[in-house]
PDB file of all heavy atoms in Angstrom:
ATOM      1  N   ARG A   1       2.538  -6.647  13.609  1.00  0.00           N
ATOM      2  CA  ARG A   1       1.066  -6.467  13.591  1.00  0.00           C
ATOM      3  C   ARG A   1       0.521  -6.908  12.184  1.00  0.00           C
ATOM      4  O   ARG A   1      -0.491  -7.639  12.136  1.00  0.00           O
ATOM      5  CB  ARG A   1       0.707  -4.998  13.813  1.00  0.00           C
ATOM      6  CG  ARG A   1      -0.773  -4.787  13.901  1.00  0.00           C
ATOM      7  CD  ARG A   1      -1.167  -3.336  14.114  1.00  0.00           C
ATOM      8  NE  ARG A   1      -0.545  -2.784  15.303  1.00  0.00           N
ATOM      9  CZ  ARG A   1       0.090  -1.603  15.335  1.00  0.00           C
ATOM     10  NH1 ARG A   1       0.151  -0.801  14.323  1.00  0.00           N
ATOM     11  NH2 ARG A   1       0.618  -1.173  16.444  1.00  0.00           N
ATOM     12  N   PHE A   2       1.260  -6.546  11.205  1.00  0.00           N
ATOM     13  CA  PHE A   2       0.860  -6.875   9.792  1.00  0.00           C
ATOM     14  C   PHE A   2       0.846  -8.390   9.622  1.00  0.00           C
ATOM     15  O   PHE A   2      -0.179  -8.979   9.053  1.00  0.00           O
ATOM     16  CB  PHE A   2       1.847  -6.283   8.869  1.00  0.00           C
ATOM     17  CG  PHE A   2       1.278  -5.986   7.477  1.00  0.00           C
ATOM     18  CD1 PHE A   2       0.585  -4.730   7.302  1.00  0.00           C
ATOM     19  CD2 PHE A   2       1.334  -6.807   6.401  1.00  0.00           C
ATOM     20  CE1 PHE A   2       0.091  -4.352   6.083  1.00  0.00           C
ATOM     21  CE2 PHE A   2       0.764  -6.554   5.224  1.00  0.00           C
ATOM     22  CZ  PHE A   2       0.180  -5.312   4.979  1.00  0.00           C
ATOM     23  N   LEU A   3       1.874  -9.162  10.112  1.00  0.00           N
ATOM     24  CA  LEU A   3       1.903 -10.607  10.020  1.00  0.00           C
ATOM     25  C   LEU A   3       0.800 -11.252  10.813  1.00  0.00           C
ATOM     26  O   LEU A   3       0.207 -12.244  10.271  1.00  0.00           O
ATOM     27  CB  LEU A   3       3.253 -11.041  10.497  1.00  0.00           C
ATOM     28  CG  LEU A   3       3.517 -12.628  10.500  1.00  0.00           C
ATOM     29  CD1 LEU A   3       3.271 -13.180   9.060  1.00  0.00           C
ATOM     30  CD2 LEU A   3       4.757 -12.950  11.130  1.00  0.00           C
ATOM     31  N   LYS A   4       0.412 -10.771  11.925  1.00  0.00           N
ATOM     32  CA  LYS A   4      -0.580 -11.358  12.754  1.00  0.00           C
ATOM     33  C   LYS A   4      -1.998 -11.263  12.155  1.00  0.00           C
ATOM     34  O   LYS A   4      -2.746 -12.127  12.065  1.00  0.00           O
ATOM     35  CB  LYS A   4      -0.755 -10.623  14.149  1.00  0.00           C
ATOM     36  CG  LYS A   4       0.464 -11.035  15.135  1.00  0.00           C
ATOM     37  CD  LYS A   4       0.196 -10.302  16.390  1.00  0.00           C
ATOM     38  CE  LYS A   4       1.362 -10.584  17.334  1.00  0.00           C
ATOM     39  NZ  LYS A   4       1.255  -9.911  18.624  1.00  0.00           N
ATOM     40  N   ILE A   5      -2.090 -10.077  11.472  1.00  0.00           N
ATOM     41  CA  ILE A   5      -3.335  -9.892  10.692  1.00  0.00           C
ATOM     42  C   ILE A   5      -3.455 -10.786   9.546  1.00  0.00           C
ATOM     43  O   ILE A   5      -4.562 -11.321   9.174  1.00  0.00           O
ATOM     44  CB  ILE A   5      -3.555  -8.360  10.415  1.00  0.00           C
ATOM     45  CG1 ILE A   5      -3.788  -7.567  11.662  1.00  0.00           C
ATOM     46  CG2 ILE A   5      -4.736  -8.189   9.361  1.00  0.00           C
ATOM     47  CD1 ILE A   5      -3.647  -6.087  11.491  1.00  0.00           C
ATOM     48  N   PHE A   6      -2.355 -10.919   8.863  1.00  0.00           N
ATOM     49  CA  PHE A   6      -2.322 -11.818   7.678  1.00  0.00           C
ATOM     50  C   PHE A   6      -2.645 -13.206   8.084  1.00  0.00           C
ATOM     51  O   PHE A   6      -3.455 -13.928   7.456  1.00  0.00           O
ATOM     52  CB  PHE A   6      -0.937 -11.843   7.010  1.00  0.00           C
ATOM     53  CG  PHE A   6      -0.810 -12.924   6.015  1.00  0.00           C
ATOM     54  CD1 PHE A   6      -1.361 -12.720   4.682  1.00  0.00           C
ATOM     55  CD2 PHE A   6      -0.128 -13.990   6.332  1.00  0.00           C
ATOM     56  CE1 PHE A   6      -1.179 -13.735   3.784  1.00  0.00           C
ATOM     57  CE2 PHE A   6      -0.033 -15.043   5.309  1.00  0.00           C
ATOM     58  CZ  PHE A   6      -0.520 -14.938   4.085  1.00  0.00           C
ATOM     59  N   MET A   7      -2.129 -13.706   9.214  1.00  0.00           N
ATOM     60  CA  MET A   7      -2.349 -15.073   9.672  1.00  0.00           C
ATOM     61  C   MET A   7      -3.762 -15.290  10.085  1.00  0.00           C
ATOM     62  O   MET A   7      -4.359 -16.330   9.858  1.00  0.00           O
ATOM     63  CB  MET A   7      -1.454 -15.316  10.909  1.00  0.00           C
ATOM     64  CG  MET A   7       0.023 -15.327  10.541  1.00  0.00           C
ATOM     65  SD  MET A   7       0.611 -16.458   9.331  1.00  0.00           S
ATOM     66  CE  MET A   7       0.578 -17.970  10.221  1.00  0.00           C
ATOM     67  N   ARG A   8      -4.359 -14.212  10.589  1.00  0.00           N
ATOM     68  CA  ARG A   8      -5.838 -14.344  10.895  1.00  0.00           C
ATOM     69  C   ARG A   8      -6.788 -14.267   9.695  1.00  0.00           C
ATOM     70  O   ARG A   8      -7.773 -14.859   9.816  1.00  0.00           O
ATOM     71  CB  ARG A   8      -6.158 -13.144  11.869  1.00  0.00           C
ATOM     72  CG  ARG A   8      -7.402 -13.231  12.592  1.00  0.00           C
ATOM     73  CD  ARG A   8      -7.671 -12.228  13.630  1.00  0.00           C
ATOM     74  NE  ARG A   8      -7.669 -10.801  13.099  1.00  0.00           N
ATOM     75  CZ  ARG A   8      -6.897  -9.815  13.669  1.00  0.00           C
ATOM     76  NH1 ARG A   8      -6.108 -10.144  14.684  1.00  0.00           N
ATOM     77  NH2 ARG A   8      -6.747  -8.720  13.148  1.00  0.00           N
ATOM     78  N   GLN A   9      -6.483 -13.530   8.715  1.00  0.00           N
ATOM     79  CA  GLN A   9      -7.326 -13.344   7.630  1.00  0.00           C
ATOM     80  C   GLN A   9      -6.622 -13.136   6.258  1.00  0.00           C
ATOM     81  O   GLN A   9      -6.544 -11.963   5.777  1.00  0.00           O
ATOM     82  CB  GLN A   9      -8.412 -12.330   7.866  1.00  0.00           C
ATOM     83  CG  GLN A   9      -7.903 -11.052   8.488  1.00  0.00           C
ATOM     84  CD  GLN A   9      -8.964 -10.208   8.933  1.00  0.00           C
ATOM     85  OE1 GLN A   9     -10.187 -10.603   8.825  1.00  0.00           O
ATOM     86  NE2 GLN A   9      -8.733  -9.039   9.557  1.00  0.00           N
ATOM     87  N   PRO A  10      -5.906 -14.189   5.774  1.00  0.00           N
ATOM     88  CA  PRO A  10      -5.139 -13.974   4.503  1.00  0.00           C
ATOM     89  C   PRO A  10      -5.830 -13.504   3.302  1.00  0.00           C
ATOM     90  O   PRO A  10      -5.214 -12.963   2.434  1.00  0.00           O
ATOM     91  CB  PRO A  10      -4.484 -15.316   4.409  1.00  0.00           C
ATOM     92  CG  PRO A  10      -5.380 -16.307   4.988  1.00  0.00           C
ATOM     93  CD  PRO A  10      -5.969 -15.449   6.139  1.00  0.00           C
ATOM     94  N   LYS A  11      -7.128 -13.730   3.206  1.00  0.00           N
ATOM     95  CA  LYS A  11      -7.818 -13.289   2.021  1.00  0.00           C
ATOM     96  C   LYS A  11      -8.193 -11.800   2.016  1.00  0.00           C
ATOM     97  O   LYS A  11      -8.366 -11.198   1.034  1.00  0.00           O
ATOM     98  CB  LYS A  11      -9.042 -14.064   1.837  1.00  0.00           C
ATOM     99  CG  LYS A  11      -8.922 -15.478   1.318  1.00  0.00           C
ATOM    100  CD  LYS A  11     -10.081 -16.120   0.898  1.00  0.00           C
ATOM    101  CE  LYS A  11      -9.867 -17.417   0.269  1.00  0.00           C
ATOM    102  NZ  LYS A  11     -11.043 -18.084  -0.318  1.00  0.00           N
ATOM    103  N   ILE A  12      -8.073 -11.184   3.189  1.00  0.00           N
ATOM    104  CA  ILE A  12      -8.367  -9.698   3.359  1.00  0.00           C
ATOM    105  C   ILE A  12      -7.057  -8.947   3.248  1.00  0.00           C
ATOM    106  O   ILE A  12      -6.897  -7.895   2.605  1.00  0.00           O
ATOM    107  CB  ILE A  12      -9.145  -9.433   4.570  1.00  0.00           C
ATOM    108  CG1 ILE A  12     -10.589 -10.071   4.458  1.00  0.00           C
ATOM    109  CG2 ILE A  12      -9.242  -7.982   4.934  1.00  0.00           C
ATOM    110  CD1 ILE A  12     -11.290  -9.954   5.703  1.00  0.00           C
ATOM    111  N   ASN A  13      -6.020  -9.566   3.943  1.00  0.00           N
ATOM    112  CA  ASN A  13      -4.726  -8.868   4.033  1.00  0.00           C
ATOM    113  C   ASN A  13      -3.824  -9.824   3.180  1.00  0.00           C
ATOM    114  O   ASN A  13      -3.279 -10.743   3.777  1.00  0.00           O
ATOM    115  CB  ASN A  13      -4.241  -8.658   5.414  1.00  0.00           C
ATOM    116  CG  ASN A  13      -3.104  -7.675   5.474  1.00  0.00           C
ATOM    117  OD1 ASN A  13      -2.894  -6.786   4.673  1.00  0.00           O
ATOM    118  ND2 ASN A  13      -2.244  -7.970   6.487  1.00  0.00           N
ATOM    119  N   ALA A  14      -3.587  -9.498   1.971  1.00  0.00           N
ATOM    120  CA  ALA A  14      -2.953 -10.418   1.080  1.00  0.00           C
ATOM    121  C   ALA A  14      -1.383 -10.583   1.153  1.00  0.00           C
ATOM    122  O   ALA A  14      -0.817 -11.298   0.436  1.00  0.00           O
ATOM    123  CB  ALA A  14      -3.242 -10.130  -0.365  1.00  0.00           C
ATOM    124  N   SER A  15      -0.766  -9.929   2.073  1.00  0.00           N
ATOM    125  CA  SER A  15       0.696  -9.918   2.240  1.00  0.00           C
ATOM    126  C   SER A  15       1.033 -10.224   3.726  1.00  0.00           C
ATOM    127  O   SER A  15       0.310  -9.853   4.640  1.00  0.00           O
ATOM    128  CB  SER A  15       1.284  -8.686   1.790  1.00  0.00           C
ATOM    129  OG  SER A  15       2.731  -8.683   1.870  1.00  0.00           O
ATOM    130  N   MET A  16       2.184 -10.858   3.969  1.00  0.00           N
ATOM    131  CA  MET A  16       2.652 -11.150   5.292  1.00  0.00           C
ATOM    132  C   MET A  16       3.320  -9.894   5.964  1.00  0.00           C
ATOM    133  O   MET A  16       3.448  -9.852   7.040  1.00  0.00           O
ATOM    134  CB  MET A  16       3.497 -12.375   5.318  1.00  0.00           C
ATOM    135  CG  MET A  16       2.778 -13.606   4.914  1.00  0.00           C
ATOM    136  SD  MET A  16       3.795 -15.061   5.142  1.00  0.00           S
ATOM    137  CE  MET A  16       5.120 -14.873   3.962  1.00  0.00           C
ATOM    138  N   ILE A  17       3.898  -9.065   5.038  1.00  0.00           N
ATOM    139  CA  ILE A  17       4.731  -7.897   5.532  1.00  0.00           C
ATOM    140  C   ILE A  17       4.266  -6.680   4.705  1.00  0.00           C
ATOM    141  O   ILE A  17       3.798  -6.796   3.585  1.00  0.00           O
ATOM    142  CB  ILE A  17       6.157  -8.156   5.428  1.00  0.00           C
ATOM    143  CG1 ILE A  17       6.615  -8.411   3.968  1.00  0.00           C
ATOM    144  CG2 ILE A  17       6.611  -9.238   6.393  1.00  0.00           C
ATOM    145  CD1 ILE A  17       8.098  -8.432   3.863  1.00  0.00           C
ATOM    146  N   PRO A  18       4.415  -5.515   5.295  1.00  0.00           N
ATOM    147  CA  PRO A  18       4.087  -4.249   4.489  1.00  0.00           C
ATOM    148  C   PRO A  18       4.999  -4.219   3.365  1.00  0.00           C
ATOM    149  O   PRO A  18       6.163  -4.689   3.298  1.00  0.00           O
ATOM    150  CB  PRO A  18       4.343  -3.144   5.571  1.00  0.00           C
ATOM    151  CG  PRO A  18       4.454  -3.769   6.873  1.00  0.00           C
ATOM    152  CD  PRO A  18       4.860  -5.201   6.644  1.00  0.00           C
ATOM    153  N   SER A  19       4.488  -3.397   2.362  1.00  0.00           N
ATOM    154  CA  SER A  19       5.240  -3.142   1.142  1.00  0.00           C
ATOM    155  C   SER A  19       6.438  -2.305   1.453  1.00  0.00           C
ATOM    156  O   SER A  19       6.538  -1.616   2.412  1.00  0.00           O
ATOM    157  CB  SER A  19       4.397  -2.415   0.147  1.00  0.00           C
ATOM    158  OG  SER A  19       3.297  -3.168  -0.290  1.00  0.00           O
ATOM    159  N   SER A  20       7.505  -2.361   0.634  1.00  0.00           N
ATOM    160  CA  SER A  20       8.786  -1.556   0.684  1.00  0.00           C
ATOM    161  C   SER A  20       8.482  -0.153   0.305  1.00  0.00           C
ATOM    162  O   SER A  20       7.576   0.287  -0.395  1.00  0.00           O
ATOM    163  CB  SER A  20       9.804  -2.270  -0.153  1.00  0.00           C
ATOM    164  OG  SER A  20       9.532  -2.061  -1.523  1.00  0.00           O
ATOM    165  N   LYS A  21       9.465   0.748   0.727  1.00  0.00           N
ATOM    166  CA  LYS A  21       9.506   2.126   0.231  1.00  0.00           C
ATOM    167  C   LYS A  21       9.631   2.145  -1.287  1.00  0.00           C
ATOM    168  O   LYS A  21       9.023   3.023  -1.795  1.00  0.00           O
ATOM    169  CB  LYS A  21      10.614   2.857   0.970  1.00  0.00           C
ATOM    170  CG  LYS A  21      10.274   3.113   2.440  1.00  0.00           C
ATOM    171  CD  LYS A  21      11.427   3.845   3.096  1.00  0.00           C
ATOM    172  CE  LYS A  21      11.084   3.977   4.649  1.00  0.00           C
ATOM    173  NZ  LYS A  21      12.173   4.655   5.378  1.00  0.00           N
ATOM    174  N   ARG A  22      10.421   1.274  -1.821  1.00  0.00           N
ATOM    175  CA  ARG A  22      10.498   1.330  -3.260  1.00  0.00           C
ATOM    176  C   ARG A  22       9.227   1.004  -3.914  1.00  0.00           C
ATOM    177  O   ARG A  22       8.823   1.472  -5.010  1.00  0.00           O
ATOM    178  CB  ARG A  22      11.591   0.286  -3.769  1.00  0.00           C
ATOM    179  CG  ARG A  22      12.960   0.809  -3.441  1.00  0.00           C
ATOM    180  CD  ARG A  22      14.022  -0.147  -4.033  1.00  0.00           C
ATOM    181  NE  ARG A  22      15.349   0.345  -3.563  1.00  0.00           N
ATOM    182  CZ  ARG A  22      16.509  -0.210  -4.028  1.00  0.00           C
ATOM    183  NH1 ARG A  22      16.368  -1.183  -4.924  1.00  0.00           N
ATOM    184  NH2 ARG A  22      17.612   0.178  -3.508  1.00  0.00           N
ATOM    185  N   ALA A  23       8.490   0.077  -3.381  1.00  0.00           N
ATOM    186  CA  ALA A  23       7.182  -0.236  -3.955  1.00  0.00           C
ATOM    187  C   ALA A  23       6.263   0.964  -3.787  1.00  0.00           C
ATOM    188  O   ALA A  23       5.442   1.266  -4.733  1.00  0.00           O
ATOM    189  CB  ALA A  23       6.588  -1.413  -3.169  1.00  0.00           C
ATOM    190  N   ALA A  24       6.281   1.642  -2.777  1.00  0.00           N
ATOM    191  CA  ALA A  24       5.411   2.787  -2.568  1.00  0.00           C
ATOM    192  C   ALA A  24       5.794   3.929  -3.561  1.00  0.00           C
ATOM    193  O   ALA A  24       4.926   4.497  -4.178  1.00  0.00           O
ATOM    194  CB  ALA A  24       5.616   3.411  -1.106  1.00  0.00           C
ATOM    195  N   GLN A  25       7.110   4.100  -3.828  1.00  0.00           N
ATOM    196  CA  GLN A  25       7.567   5.081  -4.753  1.00  0.00           C
ATOM    197  C   GLN A  25       7.078   4.544  -6.194  1.00  0.00           C
ATOM    198  O   GLN A  25       6.588   5.381  -6.945  1.00  0.00           O
ATOM    199  CB  GLN A  25       9.007   5.079  -4.778  1.00  0.00           C
ATOM    200  CG  GLN A  25       9.502   6.268  -5.700  1.00  0.00           C
ATOM    201  CD  GLN A  25       8.979   7.671  -5.315  1.00  0.00           C
ATOM    202  OE1 GLN A  25       9.105   8.122  -4.187  1.00  0.00           O
ATOM    203  NE2 GLN A  25       8.358   8.287  -6.285  1.00  0.00           N
ATOM    204  N   GLY A  26       7.111   3.321  -6.592  1.00  0.00           N
ATOM    205  CA  GLY A  26       6.712   2.782  -7.752  1.00  0.00           C
ATOM    206  C   GLY A  26       5.138   3.024  -7.978  1.00  0.00           C
ATOM    207  O   GLY A  26       4.703   3.185  -9.096  1.00  0.00           O
ATOM    208  N   MET A  27       4.392   3.043  -6.894  1.00  0.00           N
ATOM    209  CA  MET A  27       3.008   3.318  -7.086  1.00  0.00           C
ATOM    210  C   MET A  27       2.643   4.708  -7.454  1.00  0.00           C
ATOM    211  O   MET A  27       1.574   4.968  -8.135  1.00  0.00           O
ATOM    212  CB  MET A  27       2.298   3.144  -5.693  1.00  0.00           C
ATOM    213  CG  MET A  27       2.131   1.707  -5.313  1.00  0.00           C
ATOM    214  SD  MET A  27       0.973   0.638  -6.322  1.00  0.00           S
ATOM    215  CE  MET A  27      -0.521   1.015  -5.493  1.00  0.00           C
ATOM    216  N   VAL A  28       3.568   5.709  -7.290  1.00  0.00           N
ATOM    217  CA  VAL A  28       3.207   7.022  -7.726  1.00  0.00           C
ATOM    218  C   VAL A  28       4.231   7.565  -8.793  1.00  0.00           C
ATOM    219  O   VAL A  28       4.087   8.750  -9.263  1.00  0.00           O
ATOM    220  CB  VAL A  28       3.350   8.014  -6.464  1.00  0.00           C
ATOM    221  CG1 VAL A  28       2.265   7.683  -5.526  1.00  0.00           C
ATOM    222  CG2 VAL A  28       4.645   8.090  -5.928  1.00  0.00           C
ATOM    223  N   ASN A  29       5.095   6.710  -9.295  1.00  0.00           N
ATOM    224  CA  ASN A  29       6.082   7.146 -10.321  1.00  0.00           C
ATOM    225  C   ASN A  29       5.235   7.700 -11.562  1.00  0.00           C
ATOM    226  O   ASN A  29       4.280   7.112 -11.960  1.00  0.00           O
ATOM    227  CB  ASN A  29       6.963   6.052 -10.840  1.00  0.00           C
ATOM    228  CG  ASN A  29       8.173   5.809  -9.884  1.00  0.00           C
ATOM    229  OD1 ASN A  29       8.436   6.695  -9.130  1.00  0.00           O
ATOM    230  ND2 ASN A  29       8.818   4.706 -10.097  1.00  0.00           N
ATOM    231  N   GLY A  30       5.627   8.877 -12.041  1.00  0.00           N
ATOM    232  CA  GLY A  30       5.084   9.407 -13.239  1.00  0.00           C
ATOM    233  C   GLY A  30       3.710  10.239 -13.041  1.00  0.00           C
ATOM    234  O   GLY A  30       3.190  10.767 -13.867  1.00  0.00           O
ATOM    235  N   LEU A  31       3.353  10.246 -11.710  1.00  0.00           N
ATOM    236  CA  LEU A  31       2.174  11.139 -11.456  1.00  0.00           C
ATOM    237  C   LEU A  31       2.585  12.499 -10.890  1.00  0.00           C
ATOM    238  O   LEU A  31       3.551  12.579 -10.199  1.00  0.00           O
ATOM    239  CB  LEU A  31       1.344  10.359 -10.270  1.00  0.00           C
ATOM    240  CG  LEU A  31       0.771   9.074 -10.639  1.00  0.00           C
ATOM    241  CD1 LEU A  31       0.151   8.341  -9.424  1.00  0.00           C
ATOM    242  CD2 LEU A  31      -0.114   9.037 -11.810  1.00  0.00           C
ATOM    243  N   ASP A  32       1.819  13.464 -11.251  1.00  0.00           N
ATOM    244  CA  ASP A  32       1.975  14.821 -10.753  1.00  0.00           C
ATOM    245  C   ASP A  32       1.219  14.983  -9.425  1.00  0.00           C
ATOM    246  O   ASP A  32       0.170  15.550  -9.499  1.00  0.00           O
ATOM    247  CB  ASP A  32       1.547  15.900 -11.814  1.00  0.00           C
ATOM    248  CG  ASP A  32       1.895  17.344 -11.388  1.00  0.00           C
ATOM    249  OD1 ASP A  32       2.509  17.519 -10.393  1.00  0.00           O
ATOM    250  OD2 ASP A  32       1.475  18.191 -12.103  1.00  0.00           O
ATOM    251  N   LEU A  33       1.781  14.505  -8.386  1.00  0.00           N
ATOM    252  CA  LEU A  33       1.065  14.634  -7.044  1.00  0.00           C
ATOM    253  C   LEU A  33       0.809  15.995  -6.570  1.00  0.00           C
ATOM    254  O   LEU A  33      -0.124  16.328  -5.949  1.00  0.00           O
ATOM    255  CB  LEU A  33       1.878  13.861  -5.983  1.00  0.00           C
ATOM    256  CG  LEU A  33       1.986  12.324  -6.210  1.00  0.00           C
ATOM    257  CD1 LEU A  33       2.851  11.689  -5.072  1.00  0.00           C
ATOM    258  CD2 LEU A  33       0.651  11.712  -6.263  1.00  0.00           C
ATOM    259  N   LYS A  34       1.683  16.969  -7.007  1.00  0.00           N
ATOM    260  CA  LYS A  34       1.512  18.354  -6.567  1.00  0.00           C
ATOM    261  C   LYS A  34       0.242  18.948  -7.107  1.00  0.00           C
ATOM    262  O   LYS A  34      -0.216  20.099  -6.595  1.00  0.00           O
ATOM    263  CB  LYS A  34       2.744  19.159  -7.026  1.00  0.00           C
ATOM    264  CG  LYS A  34       4.056  18.762  -6.360  1.00  0.00           C
ATOM    265  CD  LYS A  34       4.054  19.207  -4.937  1.00  0.00           C
ATOM    266  CE  LYS A  34       5.415  18.812  -4.233  1.00  0.00           C
ATOM    267  NZ  LYS A  34       5.328  18.699  -2.782  1.00  0.00           N
ATOM    268  N   ALA A  35      -0.202  18.446  -8.264  1.00  0.00           N
ATOM    269  CA  ALA A  35      -1.491  19.012  -8.794  1.00  0.00           C
ATOM    270  C   ALA A  35      -2.757  18.395  -8.266  1.00  0.00           C
ATOM    271  O   ALA A  35      -3.876  18.745  -8.730  1.00  0.00           O
ATOM    272  CB  ALA A  35      -1.352  18.786 -10.353  1.00  0.00           C
ATOM    273  N   MET A  36      -2.688  17.418  -7.453  1.00  0.00           N
ATOM    274  CA  MET A  36      -3.830  16.731  -6.995  1.00  0.00           C
ATOM    275  C   MET A  36      -4.610  17.393  -5.877  1.00  0.00           C
ATOM    276  O   MET A  36      -4.120  18.123  -5.032  1.00  0.00           O
ATOM    277  CB  MET A  36      -3.538  15.209  -6.541  1.00  0.00           C
ATOM    278  CG  MET A  36      -2.839  14.573  -7.702  1.00  0.00           C
ATOM    279  SD  MET A  36      -2.903  12.797  -7.438  1.00  0.00           S
ATOM    280  CE  MET A  36      -2.288  12.334  -9.144  1.00  0.00           C
ATOM    281  N   LYS A  37      -5.923  17.264  -5.953  1.00  0.00           N
ATOM    282  CA  LYS A  37      -6.825  17.860  -4.969  1.00  0.00           C
ATOM    283  C   LYS A  37      -7.551  16.873  -4.058  1.00  0.00           C
ATOM    284  O   LYS A  37      -7.942  17.179  -2.983  1.00  0.00           O
ATOM    285  CB  LYS A  37      -7.902  18.769  -5.720  1.00  0.00           C
ATOM    286  CG  LYS A  37      -7.315  19.921  -6.524  1.00  0.00           C
ATOM    287  CD  LYS A  37      -6.722  20.926  -5.674  1.00  0.00           C
ATOM    288  CE  LYS A  37      -6.143  22.094  -6.462  1.00  0.00           C
ATOM    289  NZ  LYS A  37      -5.146  22.708  -5.693  1.00  0.00           N
ATOM    290  N   TYR A  38      -7.890  15.645  -4.646  1.00  0.00           N
ATOM    291  CA  TYR A  38      -8.505  14.675  -3.863  1.00  0.00           C
ATOM    292  C   TYR A  38      -7.986  13.273  -4.216  1.00  0.00           C
ATOM    293  O   TYR A  38      -7.914  12.943  -5.350  1.00  0.00           O
ATOM    294  CB  TYR A  38      -9.987  14.677  -3.971  1.00  0.00           C
ATOM    295  CG  TYR A  38     -10.729  14.089  -2.828  1.00  0.00           C
ATOM    296  CD1 TYR A  38     -11.206  14.869  -1.809  1.00  0.00           C
ATOM    297  CD2 TYR A  38     -10.910  12.747  -2.829  1.00  0.00           C
ATOM    298  CE1 TYR A  38     -11.876  14.309  -0.791  1.00  0.00           C
ATOM    299  CE2 TYR A  38     -11.702  12.112  -1.739  1.00  0.00           C
ATOM    300  CZ  TYR A  38     -12.139  12.944  -0.694  1.00  0.00           C
ATOM    301  OH  TYR A  38     -12.749  12.399   0.407  1.00  0.00           O
ATOM    302  N   VAL A  39      -7.524  12.608  -3.180  1.00  0.00           N
ATOM    303  CA  VAL A  39      -6.962  11.223  -3.339  1.00  0.00           C
ATOM    304  C   VAL A  39      -7.663  10.216  -2.406  1.00  0.00           C
ATOM    305  O   VAL A  39      -7.936  10.655  -1.241  1.00  0.00           O
ATOM    306  CB  VAL A  39      -5.455  11.218  -3.097  1.00  0.00           C
ATOM    307  CG1 VAL A  39      -4.808   9.876  -3.032  1.00  0.00           C
ATOM    308  CG2 VAL A  39      -4.737  12.176  -4.047  1.00  0.00           C
ATOM    309  N   VAL A  40      -7.842   8.984  -2.880  1.00  0.00           N
ATOM    310  CA  VAL A  40      -8.377   7.913  -2.050  1.00  0.00           C
ATOM    311  C   VAL A  40      -7.350   6.848  -1.972  1.00  0.00           C
ATOM    312  O   VAL A  40      -6.841   6.441  -3.017  1.00  0.00           O
ATOM    313  CB  VAL A  40      -9.719   7.454  -2.563  1.00  0.00           C
ATOM    314  CG1 VAL A  40     -10.200   6.195  -1.836  1.00  0.00           C
ATOM    315  CG2 VAL A  40     -10.786   8.464  -2.722  1.00  0.00           C
ATOM    316  N   GLU A  41      -7.199   6.260  -0.771  1.00  0.00           N
ATOM    317  CA  GLU A  41      -6.232   5.117  -0.620  1.00  0.00           C
ATOM    318  C   GLU A  41      -7.146   4.089   0.010  1.00  0.00           C
ATOM    319  O   GLU A  41      -7.717   4.192   1.100  1.00  0.00           O
ATOM    320  CB  GLU A  41      -5.061   5.341   0.252  1.00  0.00           C
ATOM    321  CG  GLU A  41      -4.130   4.138   0.246  1.00  0.00           C
ATOM    322  CD  GLU A  41      -2.804   4.382   0.952  1.00  0.00           C
ATOM    323  OE1 GLU A  41      -2.554   5.423   1.528  1.00  0.00           O
ATOM    324  OE2 GLU A  41      -2.054   3.337   1.123  1.00  0.00           O
ATOM    325  N   LEU A  42      -7.126   2.818  -0.687  1.00  0.00           N
ATOM    326  CA  LEU A  42      -8.031   1.692  -0.220  1.00  0.00           C
ATOM    327  C   LEU A  42      -7.050   0.778   0.334  1.00  0.00           C
ATOM    328  O   LEU A  42      -6.049   0.261  -0.252  1.00  0.00           O
ATOM    329  CB  LEU A  42      -8.654   1.090  -1.502  1.00  0.00           C
ATOM    330  CG  LEU A  42      -9.595   1.888  -2.333  1.00  0.00           C
ATOM    331  CD1 LEU A  42     -10.084   1.183  -3.497  1.00  0.00           C
ATOM    332  CD2 LEU A  42     -10.733   2.455  -1.452  1.00  0.00           C
TER     333      LEU A  42
END
């Protein structure tokens, strides 16, 4: 599904495949997620 969307509109969806679990972990490394009350994901 991700690849199809990329092929249709590459400027909106900038990758051909979803990010890896390691990438997701890298996005939150060093953050105290347990203390958070409101988060936004774009």
